[in-house]
Every structure is written in structure tokens, then in C-alpha cells.
Amino acid sequence: PSSAAPRELISSATRREQTITYYVVKGARFFDILVARMGNREHVVLGEVDDMCLDLPDQRDFDENGTTDALVFHSTNCRGDVAPGLLFFVSGNSTFERSNSFSGHQPKVERWHGHWSVLTTSARYILEDGKAVLVEEVHPR
């Protein structure tokens, strides 16, 4: 009875998570495009009008709400992921909400205190309520 509903919700969330896949179309004209594919439908999350050079370091359910989110790297000088740039999350919700940006490149994704986190050379961030939240500053030794 009451224990059946949570299992159904978890199963439904897992199915939803598996249906969103993100990919970057490089230099469609000049700038890159971020696309989300849901089954056989596609949605342009960031188009050429956003004037961005993009990479997609990772995609997973960062906020563990049952949908796949994207970690996006914005190369501010269009030099790929070798130069410092900005990172941000795109939430796998119905509006593909974009989080605030944070500095970094070549991020490492790892578990931290039970959450998926993004580790840069100077800080650690998690995705919470559509926002990139600074949870730890990293000091060089």
C-alpha cells in the first residue's frame, strides 16, 4: 500500500533520468550549440545567439532529483578546455535552467559528503536548487 508509491516514484525518476542526453554541436556557424535529447525529441538549450564556445565535461544527476543535469564549460576566449573559463550546470528540468557560473577548467567530478561535486583547482561546487553552490575552497599546499 503506502510502500508501493515510493518504489514507483523511484522507478519513474530513473526512467526519466535515462531519457535526457546532452551533446554539443561544435561551430554550427561559428559558436557552439548545447542540445538536450529526450527520447526522439531534441531541445536547443544554448543556441548560437548565446555566442559561446562550449565543452561538456560531464552529465549526470548532480542534484539527485531524478533527471540528468549537464556540467558545461564555457571557453571565454574560444580556446578549448586548456584555458581557464567558466563552468555552469544546466538542470534537467522542463526549462533546462542554467546555474550561476564559476571559474575553472578541466574539472574533476567526485562524491563529496553524499553529493556529486565538481572540483576545480580552487573550489568545490554542488548543484542545489538550480544553483552552483560553493561548498569548499581548496588551498594549494
N, C-alpha and C. Protein backbone atom coordinates (compact mmCIF):
# COMPACT_ATOMS: atom_id res chain seq x y z
N PRO A 1 0.82 -1.21 0.00
CA PRO A 1 0.00 0.00 0.00
C PRO A 1 0.85 1.26 0.00
N SER A 2 1.25 1.78 1.16
CA SER A 2 1.99 3.04 1.18
C SER A 2 3.44 2.86 0.74
N SER A 3 3.99 1.64 0.86
CA SER A 3 5.38 1.42 0.44
C SER A 3 5.50 1.26 -1.06
N ALA A 4 4.41 1.01 -1.78
CA ALA A 4 4.46 0.83 -3.23
C ALA A 4 4.70 2.16 -3.95
N ALA A 5 4.13 3.24 -3.45
CA ALA A 5 4.26 4.53 -4.12
C ALA A 5 5.70 4.99 -4.22
N PRO A 6 6.52 4.94 -3.16
CA PRO A 6 7.90 5.39 -3.31
C PRO A 6 8.68 4.59 -4.35
N ARG A 7 8.45 3.28 -4.42
CA ARG A 7 9.15 2.48 -5.43
C ARG A 7 8.77 2.92 -6.83
N GLU A 8 7.48 3.20 -7.04
CA GLU A 8 7.04 3.67 -8.34
C GLU A 8 7.69 5.00 -8.68
N LEU A 9 7.78 5.90 -7.71
CA LEU A 9 8.41 7.20 -7.95
C LEU A 9 9.88 7.04 -8.31
N ILE A 10 10.57 6.19 -7.58
CA ILE A 10 12.00 5.97 -7.85
C ILE A 10 12.17 5.38 -9.24
N SER A 11 11.36 4.40 -9.58
CA SER A 11 11.44 3.77 -10.90
C SER A 11 11.16 4.78 -12.00
N SER A 12 10.14 5.61 -11.81
CA SER A 12 9.78 6.63 -12.79
C SER A 12 10.91 7.66 -12.93
N ALA A 13 11.49 8.08 -11.81
CA ALA A 13 12.58 9.05 -11.85
C ALA A 13 13.78 8.47 -12.59
N THR A 14 14.08 7.20 -12.36
CA THR A 14 15.21 6.57 -13.03
C THR A 14 14.98 6.53 -14.53
N ARG A 15 13.77 6.20 -14.94
CA ARG A 15 13.47 6.18 -16.38
C ARG A 15 13.62 7.58 -16.97
N ARG A 16 13.12 8.62 -16.27
CA ARG A 16 13.26 9.99 -16.77
C ARG A 16 14.72 10.37 -16.89
N GLU A 17 15.53 10.01 -15.89
CA GLU A 17 16.95 10.38 -15.91
C GLU A 17 17.64 9.80 -17.13
N GLN A 18 17.30 8.60 -17.51
CA GLN A 18 17.97 7.95 -18.62
C GLN A 18 17.55 8.51 -19.97
N THR A 19 16.47 9.28 -20.02
CA THR A 19 15.99 9.75 -21.32
C THR A 19 16.61 11.06 -21.76
N ILE A 20 17.33 11.78 -20.88
CA ILE A 20 17.95 13.05 -21.29
C ILE A 20 19.43 12.82 -21.55
N THR A 21 19.86 13.17 -22.75
CA THR A 21 21.27 13.11 -23.11
C THR A 21 21.64 14.46 -23.71
N TYR A 22 22.75 15.02 -23.26
CA TYR A 22 23.21 16.31 -23.76
C TYR A 22 24.35 16.10 -24.74
N TYR A 23 24.44 16.97 -25.73
CA TYR A 23 25.61 16.96 -26.61
C TYR A 23 25.84 18.37 -27.15
N VAL A 24 27.08 18.61 -27.56
CA VAL A 24 27.47 19.91 -28.10
C VAL A 24 27.68 19.77 -29.60
N VAL A 25 27.08 20.67 -30.36
CA VAL A 25 27.32 20.76 -31.80
C VAL A 25 28.38 21.84 -31.96
N LYS A 26 29.57 21.44 -32.36
CA LYS A 26 30.70 22.37 -32.48
C LYS A 26 30.57 23.26 -33.70
N GLY A 27 30.71 24.56 -33.48
CA GLY A 27 30.78 25.55 -34.55
C GLY A 27 29.73 25.41 -35.62
N ALA A 28 28.48 25.37 -35.22
CA ALA A 28 27.40 25.23 -36.19
C ALA A 28 27.57 26.28 -37.31
N ARG A 29 27.79 27.49 -36.92
CA ARG A 29 28.23 28.53 -37.87
C ARG A 29 29.59 29.03 -37.38
N PHE A 30 29.59 29.56 -36.17
CA PHE A 30 30.85 29.91 -35.53
C PHE A 30 30.85 29.41 -34.10
N PHE A 31 29.77 29.70 -33.37
CA PHE A 31 29.68 29.31 -31.97
C PHE A 31 29.05 27.93 -31.83
N ASP A 32 29.17 27.38 -30.64
CA ASP A 32 28.67 26.03 -30.37
C ASP A 32 27.23 26.07 -29.86
N ILE A 33 26.57 24.93 -29.96
CA ILE A 33 25.18 24.78 -29.53
C ILE A 33 25.11 23.62 -28.54
N LEU A 34 24.40 23.80 -27.44
CA LEU A 34 24.15 22.72 -26.48
C LEU A 34 22.74 22.22 -26.71
N VAL A 35 22.63 20.91 -26.95
CA VAL A 35 21.34 20.29 -27.25
C VAL A 35 21.04 19.22 -26.20
N ALA A 36 19.79 19.13 -25.79
CA ALA A 36 19.32 18.06 -24.91
C ALA A 36 18.41 17.16 -25.74
N ARG A 37 18.69 15.85 -25.72
CA ARG A 37 17.85 14.88 -26.42
C ARG A 37 17.05 14.11 -25.39
N MET A 38 15.73 14.08 -25.58
CA MET A 38 14.83 13.35 -24.70
C MET A 38 14.06 12.37 -25.57
N GLY A 39 14.48 11.10 -25.54
CA GLY A 39 13.87 10.12 -26.43
C GLY A 39 14.17 10.49 -27.86
N ASN A 40 13.14 10.75 -28.68
CA ASN A 40 13.38 11.14 -30.07
C ASN A 40 13.19 12.64 -30.30
N ARG A 41 13.04 13.41 -29.21
CA ARG A 41 12.91 14.87 -29.32
C ARG A 41 14.21 15.54 -28.93
N GLU A 42 14.48 16.70 -29.52
CA GLU A 42 15.67 17.48 -29.17
C GLU A 42 15.25 18.90 -28.82
N HIS A 43 15.98 19.48 -27.88
CA HIS A 43 15.73 20.85 -27.44
C HIS A 43 17.06 21.60 -27.42
N VAL A 44 17.13 22.74 -28.10
CA VAL A 44 18.34 23.56 -28.07
C VAL A 44 18.35 24.32 -26.75
N VAL A 45 19.31 23.97 -25.89
CA VAL A 45 19.42 24.59 -24.57
C VAL A 45 20.15 25.92 -24.68
N LEU A 46 21.27 25.92 -25.38
CA LEU A 46 22.04 27.14 -25.65
C LEU A 46 22.30 27.18 -27.14
N GLY A 47 21.83 28.23 -27.80
CA GLY A 47 21.99 28.33 -29.24
C GLY A 47 23.11 29.27 -29.62
N GLU A 48 23.27 29.46 -30.92
CA GLU A 48 24.33 30.34 -31.40
C GLU A 48 24.15 31.79 -30.96
N VAL A 49 22.93 32.19 -30.69
CA VAL A 49 22.71 33.56 -30.23
C VAL A 49 23.34 33.80 -28.86
N ASP A 50 23.68 32.73 -28.15
CA ASP A 50 24.34 32.87 -26.85
C ASP A 50 25.84 33.13 -27.00
N ASP A 51 26.37 33.06 -28.24
CA ASP A 51 27.77 33.38 -28.54
C ASP A 51 28.75 32.69 -27.58
N MET A 52 28.73 31.36 -27.55
CA MET A 52 29.60 30.63 -26.63
C MET A 52 30.35 29.51 -27.34
N CYS A 53 31.58 29.29 -26.89
CA CYS A 53 32.36 28.12 -27.27
C CYS A 53 32.25 27.17 -26.08
N LEU A 54 31.72 25.98 -26.31
CA LEU A 54 31.33 25.09 -25.22
C LEU A 54 32.02 23.74 -25.26
N ASP A 55 32.14 23.13 -24.10
CA ASP A 55 32.50 21.73 -23.96
C ASP A 55 31.58 21.15 -22.91
N LEU A 56 31.48 19.85 -22.88
CA LEU A 56 30.58 19.15 -21.98
C LEU A 56 31.39 18.15 -21.15
N PRO A 57 31.99 18.63 -20.04
CA PRO A 57 32.84 17.74 -19.23
C PRO A 57 32.11 16.56 -18.61
N ASP A 58 30.81 16.73 -18.28
CA ASP A 58 30.12 15.63 -17.60
C ASP A 58 28.61 15.84 -17.66
N GLN A 59 27.89 14.75 -17.56
CA GLN A 59 26.43 14.81 -17.43
C GLN A 59 26.00 13.65 -16.55
N ARG A 60 25.24 13.98 -15.52
CA ARG A 60 24.72 13.01 -14.56
C ARG A 60 23.68 13.73 -13.71
N ASP A 61 23.06 13.03 -12.81
CA ASP A 61 22.05 13.63 -11.93
C ASP A 61 22.78 14.28 -10.76
N PHE A 62 23.35 15.47 -11.00
CA PHE A 62 24.15 16.15 -9.98
C PHE A 62 23.36 16.47 -8.71
N ASP A 63 22.11 16.87 -8.85
CA ASP A 63 21.32 17.23 -7.67
C ASP A 63 20.43 16.08 -7.19
N GLU A 64 20.55 14.94 -7.83
CA GLU A 64 19.86 13.71 -7.44
C GLU A 64 18.35 13.88 -7.30
N ASN A 65 17.77 14.57 -8.31
CA ASN A 65 16.32 14.75 -8.32
C ASN A 65 15.64 13.87 -9.36
N GLY A 66 16.41 12.98 -10.00
CA GLY A 66 15.83 12.04 -10.95
C GLY A 66 15.99 12.41 -12.41
N THR A 67 16.62 13.55 -12.71
CA THR A 67 16.85 13.93 -14.12
C THR A 67 18.33 14.21 -14.32
N THR A 68 18.79 13.98 -15.54
CA THR A 68 20.19 14.20 -15.86
C THR A 68 20.46 15.69 -16.05
N ASP A 69 21.50 16.17 -15.38
CA ASP A 69 21.95 17.56 -15.50
C ASP A 69 23.25 17.56 -16.29
N ALA A 70 23.62 18.71 -16.81
CA ALA A 70 24.86 18.84 -17.56
C ALA A 70 25.82 19.79 -16.85
N LEU A 71 27.09 19.43 -16.87
CA LEU A 71 28.15 20.34 -16.44
C LEU A 71 28.76 20.88 -17.73
N VAL A 72 28.69 22.19 -17.91
CA VAL A 72 29.11 22.82 -19.16
C VAL A 72 30.31 23.71 -18.91
N PHE A 73 31.29 23.63 -19.83
CA PHE A 73 32.46 24.51 -19.78
C PHE A 73 32.30 25.54 -20.89
N HIS A 74 32.41 26.81 -20.51
CA HIS A 74 32.34 27.92 -21.47
C HIS A 74 33.74 28.49 -21.61
N SER A 75 34.34 28.28 -22.77
CA SER A 75 35.66 28.83 -23.06
C SER A 75 35.47 30.29 -23.47
N THR A 76 35.80 31.19 -22.56
CA THR A 76 35.53 32.61 -22.82
C THR A 76 36.36 33.17 -23.97
N ASN A 77 37.51 32.57 -24.24
CA ASN A 77 38.34 33.01 -25.37
C ASN A 77 38.30 32.04 -26.54
N CYS A 78 37.39 31.06 -26.47
CA CYS A 78 37.24 30.05 -27.52
C CYS A 78 38.54 29.30 -27.80
N ARG A 79 39.22 28.89 -26.73
CA ARG A 79 40.48 28.16 -26.86
C ARG A 79 40.37 26.72 -26.36
N GLY A 80 39.19 26.21 -26.24
CA GLY A 80 39.01 24.84 -25.75
C GLY A 80 39.15 24.79 -24.24
N ASP A 81 39.29 23.57 -23.71
CA ASP A 81 39.32 23.43 -22.25
C ASP A 81 40.72 23.57 -21.67
N VAL A 82 41.70 24.00 -22.47
CA VAL A 82 43.06 24.19 -21.96
C VAL A 82 43.23 25.53 -21.27
N ALA A 83 42.37 26.48 -21.59
CA ALA A 83 42.48 27.82 -20.99
C ALA A 83 41.40 27.96 -19.91
N PRO A 84 41.68 28.73 -18.87
CA PRO A 84 40.64 28.96 -17.86
C PRO A 84 39.38 29.55 -18.50
N GLY A 85 38.27 29.17 -17.96
CA GLY A 85 36.99 29.66 -18.47
C GLY A 85 35.97 29.60 -17.35
N LEU A 86 34.74 29.39 -17.73
CA LEU A 86 33.65 29.33 -16.76
C LEU A 86 32.94 27.99 -16.86
N LEU A 87 32.51 27.50 -15.72
CA LEU A 87 31.71 26.29 -15.64
C LEU A 87 30.32 26.66 -15.13
N PHE A 88 29.31 25.92 -15.56
CA PHE A 88 27.97 26.08 -15.02
C PHE A 88 27.20 24.79 -15.24
N PHE A 89 26.11 24.65 -14.49
CA PHE A 89 25.24 23.50 -14.62
C PHE A 89 24.03 23.87 -15.46
N VAL A 90 23.49 22.89 -16.15
CA VAL A 90 22.18 23.01 -16.77
C VAL A 90 21.32 21.94 -16.13
N SER A 91 20.24 22.36 -15.47
CA SER A 91 19.36 21.42 -14.78
C SER A 91 18.50 20.68 -15.78
N GLY A 92 18.28 19.41 -15.52
CA GLY A 92 17.46 18.59 -16.40
C GLY A 92 15.98 18.73 -16.10
N ASN A 93 15.53 19.96 -15.86
CA ASN A 93 14.11 20.19 -15.62
C ASN A 93 13.43 20.63 -16.91
N SER A 94 12.18 20.97 -16.87
CA SER A 94 11.44 21.28 -18.09
C SER A 94 11.93 22.55 -18.78
N THR A 95 12.61 23.45 -18.06
CA THR A 95 13.10 24.69 -18.67
C THR A 95 14.61 24.67 -18.90
N PHE A 96 15.28 23.59 -18.52
CA PHE A 96 16.74 23.49 -18.65
C PHE A 96 17.42 24.73 -18.08
N GLU A 97 17.09 25.02 -16.85
CA GLU A 97 17.60 26.19 -16.14
C GLU A 97 19.13 26.15 -16.05
N ARG A 98 19.73 27.28 -16.30
CA ARG A 98 21.18 27.42 -16.23
C ARG A 98 21.58 28.02 -14.89
N SER A 99 22.57 27.42 -14.24
CA SER A 99 23.01 27.92 -12.93
C SER A 99 23.94 29.12 -13.11
N ASN A 100 24.31 29.70 -11.99
CA ASN A 100 25.35 30.72 -11.99
C ASN A 100 26.67 30.08 -12.41
N SER A 101 27.56 30.87 -12.95
CA SER A 101 28.86 30.38 -13.42
C SER A 101 29.90 30.43 -12.31
N PHE A 102 30.92 29.57 -12.46
CA PHE A 102 32.06 29.62 -11.55
C PHE A 102 33.32 29.34 -12.35
N SER A 103 34.45 29.88 -11.89
CA SER A 103 35.71 29.77 -12.62
C SER A 103 36.29 28.37 -12.54
N GLY A 104 36.96 27.99 -13.62
CA GLY A 104 37.65 26.71 -13.62
C GLY A 104 37.73 26.10 -15.01
N HIS A 105 38.54 25.09 -15.11
CA HIS A 105 38.60 24.28 -16.33
C HIS A 105 39.12 22.91 -15.94
N GLN A 106 38.89 21.94 -16.81
CA GLN A 106 39.26 20.55 -16.57
C GLN A 106 38.85 20.10 -15.16
N PRO A 107 37.54 20.19 -14.87
CA PRO A 107 37.05 19.85 -13.53
C PRO A 107 37.09 18.34 -13.28
N LYS A 108 37.09 18.01 -12.02
CA LYS A 108 37.02 16.62 -11.59
C LYS A 108 35.68 16.44 -10.88
N VAL A 109 34.92 15.43 -11.26
CA VAL A 109 33.63 15.15 -10.64
C VAL A 109 33.82 13.99 -9.68
N GLU A 110 33.39 14.20 -8.44
CA GLU A 110 33.54 13.14 -7.44
C GLU A 110 32.47 13.27 -6.36
N ARG A 111 32.28 12.18 -5.60
CA ARG A 111 31.33 12.20 -4.49
C ARG A 111 31.96 12.98 -3.34
N TRP A 112 31.14 13.78 -2.68
CA TRP A 112 31.60 14.58 -1.54
C TRP A 112 30.44 14.70 -0.57
N HIS A 113 30.57 14.16 0.61
CA HIS A 113 29.53 14.20 1.65
C HIS A 113 28.16 13.78 1.10
N GLY A 114 28.15 12.72 0.30
CA GLY A 114 26.90 12.17 -0.21
C GLY A 114 26.33 12.88 -1.43
N HIS A 115 27.04 13.85 -1.98
CA HIS A 115 26.57 14.59 -3.16
C HIS A 115 27.60 14.46 -4.28
N TRP A 116 27.13 14.57 -5.52
CA TRP A 116 28.06 14.73 -6.63
C TRP A 116 28.60 16.15 -6.57
N SER A 117 29.90 16.29 -6.72
CA SER A 117 30.51 17.62 -6.64
C SER A 117 31.47 17.81 -7.81
N VAL A 118 31.73 19.09 -8.09
CA VAL A 118 32.68 19.47 -9.14
C VAL A 118 33.85 20.16 -8.46
N LEU A 119 35.02 19.58 -8.64
CA LEU A 119 36.23 20.10 -8.02
C LEU A 119 37.07 20.80 -9.07
N THR A 120 37.36 22.09 -8.82
CA THR A 120 38.27 22.85 -9.69
C THR A 120 39.59 22.99 -8.92
N THR A 121 40.53 23.72 -9.46
CA THR A 121 41.81 23.89 -8.76
C THR A 121 41.67 24.75 -7.52
N SER A 122 40.57 25.51 -7.41
CA SER A 122 40.44 26.42 -6.27
C SER A 122 39.21 26.18 -5.40
N ALA A 123 38.24 25.38 -5.87
CA ALA A 123 37.00 25.25 -5.10
C ALA A 123 36.22 24.00 -5.49
N ARG A 124 35.23 23.69 -4.65
CA ARG A 124 34.32 22.56 -4.90
C ARG A 124 32.89 23.12 -4.90
N TYR A 125 32.10 22.67 -5.87
CA TYR A 125 30.72 23.12 -6.03
C TYR A 125 29.78 21.93 -6.14
N ILE A 126 28.55 22.14 -5.67
CA ILE A 126 27.48 21.18 -5.90
C ILE A 126 26.32 21.92 -6.55
N LEU A 127 25.41 21.18 -7.16
CA LEU A 127 24.20 21.75 -7.74
C LEU A 127 23.08 21.58 -6.73
N GLU A 128 22.48 22.69 -6.34
CA GLU A 128 21.40 22.67 -5.35
C GLU A 128 20.35 23.69 -5.75
N ASP A 129 19.13 23.26 -5.93
CA ASP A 129 18.02 24.15 -6.31
C ASP A 129 18.35 24.99 -7.54
N GLY A 130 19.00 24.38 -8.52
CA GLY A 130 19.33 25.07 -9.76
C GLY A 130 20.52 26.02 -9.69
N LYS A 131 21.19 26.06 -8.55
CA LYS A 131 22.33 26.97 -8.34
C LYS A 131 23.62 26.18 -8.11
N ALA A 132 24.73 26.73 -8.59
CA ALA A 132 26.05 26.19 -8.27
C ALA A 132 26.42 26.75 -6.91
N VAL A 133 26.57 25.87 -5.93
CA VAL A 133 26.82 26.30 -4.55
C VAL A 133 28.26 25.95 -4.17
N LEU A 134 29.01 26.96 -3.75
CA LEU A 134 30.38 26.77 -3.26
C LEU A 134 30.30 26.06 -1.91
N VAL A 135 30.91 24.88 -1.80
CA VAL A 135 30.86 24.13 -0.54
C VAL A 135 32.23 23.98 0.10
N GLU A 136 33.28 24.28 -0.67
CA GLU A 136 34.63 24.14 -0.10
C GLU A 136 35.61 24.92 -0.96
N GLU A 137 36.47 25.67 -0.30
CA GLU A 137 37.57 26.33 -1.00
C GLU A 137 38.79 25.45 -0.88
N VAL A 138 39.54 25.34 -1.96
CA VAL A 138 40.73 24.49 -1.98
C VAL A 138 41.94 25.39 -1.95
N HIS A 139 42.80 25.16 -0.97
CA HIS A 139 44.01 25.97 -0.85
C HIS A 139 45.21 25.14 -1.24
N PRO A 140 46.05 25.63 -2.14
CA PRO A 140 47.24 24.87 -2.53
C PRO A 140 48.16 24.65 -1.33
N ARG A 141 48.80 23.49 -1.32
CA ARG A 141 49.69 23.18 -0.19
C ARG A 141 51.10 23.55 -0.46
